[in-house]
Amino acid sequence: MNNKDWRLRNAVIGDAKALTECMHAAYGSYAARLNGVVLPPLTVNYEDEIRACPVWVAEADLTIIGGLILMPEEGWMTIANIAVHPQFQGKGVGRALMARAEAEAKAKALRLSVLRLATHVALTENVEFYNQLGWSETGRDETRIHMQKSIAL
């Protein structure tokens, strides 16, 4: 699969169930390593998220294969959740979602030059991926690594 086989689009309320299933599948593949602590929590109502936040989905053949939930904050944009269904990882979907997060932060309406996120300490491959994209660690606790990226406006 290449990026012509899937597309990014704004999420709509009707995507909530499929987005929930995608997020559970994505994090489910890491369950053994997470010791019951999933970041972010999967108990959120994705209909509420779609209503309240900028939410993007990756879609292939009318199936949600990835999702991005953003939270504009005072002075920065937080990536509240980003995940790709395990069957579609390694195909550029995550990279495209991260690029979308940057584009949203830089948009004229927001003009935010800093992105932030937190990931689980056990997800070392995610940290490596974020480092490759220019992110830096800003702190950590028992379960989370906090990261940040400055972007040119």
C-alpha atoms as a PDB file:
ATOM      1  CA  MET A   1       0.000   0.000   0.000  1.00  0.00           C
ATOM      2  CA  ASN A   2       1.270   3.463  -0.851  1.00  0.00           C
ATOM      3  CA  ASN A   3      -0.184   6.839   0.012  1.00  0.00           C
ATOM      4  CA  LYS A   4      -2.350   6.802  -3.113  1.00  0.00           C
ATOM      5  CA  ASP A   5      -4.268   3.932  -1.485  1.00  0.00           C
ATOM      6  CA  TRP A   6      -5.353   6.031   1.495  1.00  0.00           C
ATOM      7  CA  ARG A   7      -6.180   9.640   2.235  1.00  0.00           C
ATOM      8  CA  LEU A   8      -6.378  12.034   5.161  1.00  0.00           C
ATOM      9  CA  ARG A   9      -9.561  13.943   5.870  1.00  0.00           C
ATOM     10  CA  ASN A  10     -11.322  15.768   8.680  1.00  0.00           C
ATOM     11  CA  ALA A  11     -13.234  13.384  10.902  1.00  0.00           C
ATOM     12  CA  VAL A  12     -17.015  13.590  11.060  1.00  0.00           C
ATOM     13  CA  ILE A  13     -19.302  12.359  13.842  1.00  0.00           C
ATOM     14  CA  GLY A  14     -20.106   9.239  11.821  1.00  0.00           C
ATOM     15  CA  ASP A  15     -16.416   8.221  12.079  1.00  0.00           C
ATOM     16  CA  ALA A  16     -16.489   7.882  15.883  1.00  0.00           C
ATOM     17  CA  LYS A  17     -17.210   4.138  16.060  1.00  0.00           C
ATOM     18  CA  ALA A  18     -14.604   3.222  13.421  1.00  0.00           C
ATOM     19  CA  LEU A  19     -12.069   5.595  14.993  1.00  0.00           C
ATOM     20  CA  THR A  20     -12.659   3.939  18.369  1.00  0.00           C
ATOM     21  CA  GLU A  21     -12.047   0.510  16.832  1.00  0.00           C
ATOM     22  CA  CYS A  22      -8.888   1.738  15.082  1.00  0.00           C
ATOM     23  CA  MET A  23      -7.487   3.265  18.276  1.00  0.00           C
ATOM     24  CA  HIS A  24      -8.210   0.098  20.277  1.00  0.00           C
ATOM     25  CA  ALA A  25      -6.517  -2.046  17.611  1.00  0.00           C
ATOM     26  CA  ALA A  26      -3.488   0.250  17.489  1.00  0.00           C
ATOM     27  CA  TYR A  27      -2.950   0.324  21.240  1.00  0.00           C
ATOM     28  CA  GLY A  28      -4.009  -3.296  21.685  1.00  0.00           C
ATOM     29  CA  SER A  29      -0.890  -4.422  19.853  1.00  0.00           C
ATOM     30  CA  TYR A  30       1.164  -2.831  22.674  1.00  0.00           C
ATOM     31  CA  ALA A  31      -0.985  -4.055  25.596  1.00  0.00           C
ATOM     32  CA  ALA A  32       1.577  -6.521  26.972  1.00  0.00           C
ATOM     33  CA  ARG A  33       4.199  -3.776  27.296  1.00  0.00           C
ATOM     34  CA  LEU A  34       1.966  -1.085  28.770  1.00  0.00           C
ATOM     35  CA  ASN A  35       1.128  -2.789  32.092  1.00  0.00           C
ATOM     36  CA  GLY A  36      -2.439  -1.515  31.919  1.00  0.00           C
ATOM     37  CA  VAL A  37      -1.457   2.137  31.426  1.00  0.00           C
ATOM     38  CA  VAL A  38      -2.545   3.280  27.992  1.00  0.00           C
ATOM     39  CA  LEU A  39      -1.602   6.765  26.882  1.00  0.00           C
ATOM     40  CA  PRO A  40      -3.895   8.341  26.048  1.00  0.00           C
ATOM     41  CA  PRO A  41      -6.760   6.602  27.826  1.00  0.00           C
ATOM     42  CA  LEU A  42      -9.009   4.721  25.415  1.00  0.00           C
ATOM     43  CA  THR A  43     -12.149   5.449  27.404  1.00  0.00           C
ATOM     44  CA  VAL A  44     -12.743   8.775  25.648  1.00  0.00           C
ATOM     45  CA  ASN A  45     -15.908   9.370  23.663  1.00  0.00           C
ATOM     46  CA  TYR A  46     -14.672   9.975  20.121  1.00  0.00           C
ATOM     47  CA  GLU A  47     -17.926  11.704  19.165  1.00  0.00           C
ATOM     48  CA  ASP A  48     -17.135  14.293  21.841  1.00  0.00           C
ATOM     49  CA  GLU A  49     -13.542  14.528  20.633  1.00  0.00           C
ATOM     50  CA  ILE A  50     -14.672  15.127  17.039  1.00  0.00           C
ATOM     51  CA  ARG A  51     -17.083  17.844  18.212  1.00  0.00           C
ATOM     52  CA  ALA A  52     -14.538  19.598  20.435  1.00  0.00           C
ATOM     53  CA  CYS A  53     -11.151  19.191  18.745  1.00  0.00           C
ATOM     54  CA  PRO A  54      -9.527  19.138  15.343  1.00  0.00           C
ATOM     55  CA  VAL A  55      -9.632  15.428  14.471  1.00  0.00           C
ATOM     56  CA  TRP A  56      -8.258  13.868  11.312  1.00  0.00           C
ATOM     57  CA  VAL A  57      -8.565  10.325  10.057  1.00  0.00           C
ATOM     58  CA  ALA A  58      -6.644   8.268   7.540  1.00  0.00           C
ATOM     59  CA  GLU A  59      -8.989   6.249   5.383  1.00  0.00           C
ATOM     60  CA  ALA A  60      -8.447   3.373   2.954  1.00  0.00           C
ATOM     61  CA  ASP A  61     -11.350   1.806   1.072  1.00  0.00           C
ATOM     62  CA  LEU A  62     -13.829   3.559   3.401  1.00  0.00           C
ATOM     63  CA  THR A  63     -12.074   2.051   6.457  1.00  0.00           C
ATOM     64  CA  ILE A  64     -10.501   4.236   9.162  1.00  0.00           C
ATOM     65  CA  ILE A  65      -6.852   3.144   9.422  1.00  0.00           C
ATOM     66  CA  GLY A  66      -5.470   5.951  11.559  1.00  0.00           C
ATOM     67  CA  GLY A  67      -6.425   8.953  13.607  1.00  0.00           C
ATOM     68  CA  LEU A  68      -5.075  12.234  14.923  1.00  0.00           C
ATOM     69  CA  ILE A  69      -6.619  14.277  17.721  1.00  0.00           C
ATOM     70  CA  LEU A  70      -5.250  17.764  18.281  1.00  0.00           C
ATOM     71  CA  MET A  71      -5.783  20.174  21.154  1.00  0.00           C
ATOM     72  CA  PRO A  72      -4.870  23.806  20.528  1.00  0.00           C
ATOM     73  CA  GLU A  73      -3.540  25.272  23.758  1.00  0.00           C
ATOM     74  CA  GLU A  74      -2.316  28.702  24.768  1.00  0.00           C
ATOM     75  CA  GLY A  75       0.946  28.997  22.811  1.00  0.00           C
ATOM     76  CA  TRP A  76       1.221  25.448  21.449  1.00  0.00           C
ATOM     77  CA  MET A  77      -0.625  22.541  19.835  1.00  0.00           C
ATOM     78  CA  THR A  78      -0.880  19.247  21.698  1.00  0.00           C
ATOM     79  CA  ILE A  79      -1.137  15.960  19.852  1.00  0.00           C
ATOM     80  CA  ALA A  80      -3.617  14.361  22.224  1.00  0.00           C
ATOM     81  CA  ASN A  81      -3.701  11.092  20.305  1.00  0.00           C
ATOM     82  CA  ILE A  82      -2.184   9.680  17.167  1.00  0.00           C
ATOM     83  CA  ALA A  83      -2.449   6.050  16.163  1.00  0.00           C
ATOM     84  CA  VAL A  84      -2.331   3.818  13.104  1.00  0.00           C
ATOM     85  CA  HIS A  85      -4.034   0.440  12.832  1.00  0.00           C
ATOM     86  CA  PRO A  86      -1.353  -2.299  13.088  1.00  0.00           C
ATOM     87  CA  GLN A  87      -2.121  -3.623   9.592  1.00  0.00           C
ATOM     88  CA  PHE A  88      -1.238  -0.224   8.109  1.00  0.00           C
ATOM     89  CA  GLN A  89       1.835   0.713  10.144  1.00  0.00           C
ATOM     90  CA  GLY A  90       5.057   1.312   8.234  1.00  0.00           C
ATOM     91  CA  LYS A  91       3.228   2.638   5.167  1.00  0.00           C
ATOM     92  CA  GLY A  92       3.608   6.370   5.769  1.00  0.00           C
ATOM     93  CA  VAL A  93       0.269   6.916   7.491  1.00  0.00           C
ATOM     94  CA  GLY A  94       1.796   8.010  10.807  1.00  0.00           C
ATOM     95  CA  ARG A  95       4.255  10.311   9.041  1.00  0.00           C
ATOM     96  CA  ALA A  96       1.365  11.907   7.104  1.00  0.00           C
ATOM     97  CA  LEU A  97      -0.663  12.372  10.290  1.00  0.00           C
ATOM     98  CA  MET A  98       2.322  14.032  11.987  1.00  0.00           C
ATOM     99  CA  ALA A  99       2.746  16.340   8.971  1.00  0.00           C
ATOM    100  CA  ARG A 100      -0.962  17.207   9.227  1.00  0.00           C
ATOM    101  CA  ALA A 101      -0.463  18.123  12.898  1.00  0.00           C
ATOM    102  CA  GLU A 102       2.317  20.536  11.903  1.00  0.00           C
ATOM    103  CA  ALA A 103       0.205  22.046   9.131  1.00  0.00           C
ATOM    104  CA  GLU A 104      -2.716  22.555  11.514  1.00  0.00           C
ATOM    105  CA  ALA A 105      -0.492  24.227  14.115  1.00  0.00           C
ATOM    106  CA  LYS A 106       0.972  26.562  11.488  1.00  0.00           C
ATOM    107  CA  ALA A 107      -2.404  27.463   9.950  1.00  0.00           C
ATOM    108  CA  LYS A 108      -3.166  31.161   9.803  1.00  0.00           C
ATOM    109  CA  ALA A 109      -5.948  30.897  12.349  1.00  0.00           C
ATOM    110  CA  LEU A 110      -3.614  29.454  14.995  1.00  0.00           C
ATOM    111  CA  ARG A 111      -0.004  30.331  14.056  1.00  0.00           C
ATOM    112  CA  LEU A 112       1.408  28.006  16.727  1.00  0.00           C
ATOM    113  CA  SER A 113       5.105  27.227  16.445  1.00  0.00           C
ATOM    114  CA  VAL A 114       5.324  24.487  19.086  1.00  0.00           C
ATOM    115  CA  LEU A 115       3.874  20.988  19.088  1.00  0.00           C
ATOM    116  CA  ARG A 116       3.784  18.800  22.193  1.00  0.00           C
ATOM    117  CA  LEU A 117       2.888  15.186  22.926  1.00  0.00           C
ATOM    118  CA  ALA A 118       3.358  12.469  25.505  1.00  0.00           C
ATOM    119  CA  THR A 119       4.013   8.816  24.794  1.00  0.00           C
ATOM    120  CA  HIS A 120       4.417   5.757  26.971  1.00  0.00           C
ATOM    121  CA  VAL A 121       7.985   5.017  28.117  1.00  0.00           C
ATOM    122  CA  ALA A 122       7.640   1.438  26.855  1.00  0.00           C
ATOM    123  CA  LEU A 123       6.937   2.559  23.287  1.00  0.00           C
ATOM    124  CA  THR A 124      10.564   3.077  22.405  1.00  0.00           C
ATOM    125  CA  GLU A 125       9.909   2.716  18.667  1.00  0.00           C
ATOM    126  CA  ASN A 126       7.492   5.650  18.844  1.00  0.00           C
ATOM    127  CA  VAL A 127      10.092   7.779  20.610  1.00  0.00           C
ATOM    128  CA  GLU A 128      12.603   6.855  17.907  1.00  0.00           C
ATOM    129  CA  PHE A 129      10.069   7.771  15.202  1.00  0.00           C
ATOM    130  CA  TYR A 130       9.373  11.142  16.829  1.00  0.00           C
ATOM    131  CA  ASN A 131      13.117  11.809  17.174  1.00  0.00           C
ATOM    132  CA  GLN A 132      13.528  11.125  13.442  1.00  0.00           C
ATOM    133  CA  LEU A 133      10.865  13.759  12.795  1.00  0.00           C
ATOM    134  CA  GLY A 134      12.756  16.368  14.821  1.00  0.00           C
ATOM    135  CA  TRP A 135      11.071  15.994  18.203  1.00  0.00           C
ATOM    136  CA  SER A 136      12.990  16.326  21.488  1.00  0.00           C
ATOM    137  CA  GLU A 137      12.320  14.916  24.927  1.00  0.00           C
ATOM    138  CA  THR A 138      11.373  17.589  27.476  1.00  0.00           C
ATOM    139  CA  GLY A 139      10.722  15.405  30.509  1.00  0.00           C
ATOM    140  CA  ARG A 140       9.473  12.072  31.788  1.00  0.00           C
ATOM    141  CA  ASP A 141       7.789  10.342  34.668  1.00  0.00           C
ATOM    142  CA  GLU A 142       7.116   6.682  35.470  1.00  0.00           C
ATOM    143  CA  THR A 143       4.876   6.111  32.449  1.00  0.00           C
ATOM    144  CA  ARG A 144       5.260   9.042  30.070  1.00  0.00           C
ATOM    145  CA  ILE A 145       7.870  10.706  27.953  1.00  0.00           C
ATOM    146  CA  HIS A 146       6.990  14.311  27.131  1.00  0.00           C
ATOM    147  CA  MET A 147       8.209  15.583  23.786  1.00  0.00           C
ATOM    148  CA  GLN A 148       8.175  18.839  21.888  1.00  0.00           C
ATOM    149  CA  LYS A 149       8.927  20.115  18.409  1.00  0.00           C
ATOM    150  CA  SER A 150       9.420  23.691  17.302  1.00  0.00           C
ATOM    151  CA  ILE A 151       8.195  24.456  13.807  1.00  0.00           C
ATOM    152  CA  ALA A 152       8.889  27.424  11.564  1.00  0.00           C
ATOM    153  CA  LEU A 153       5.876  29.565  10.779  1.00  0.00           C
END
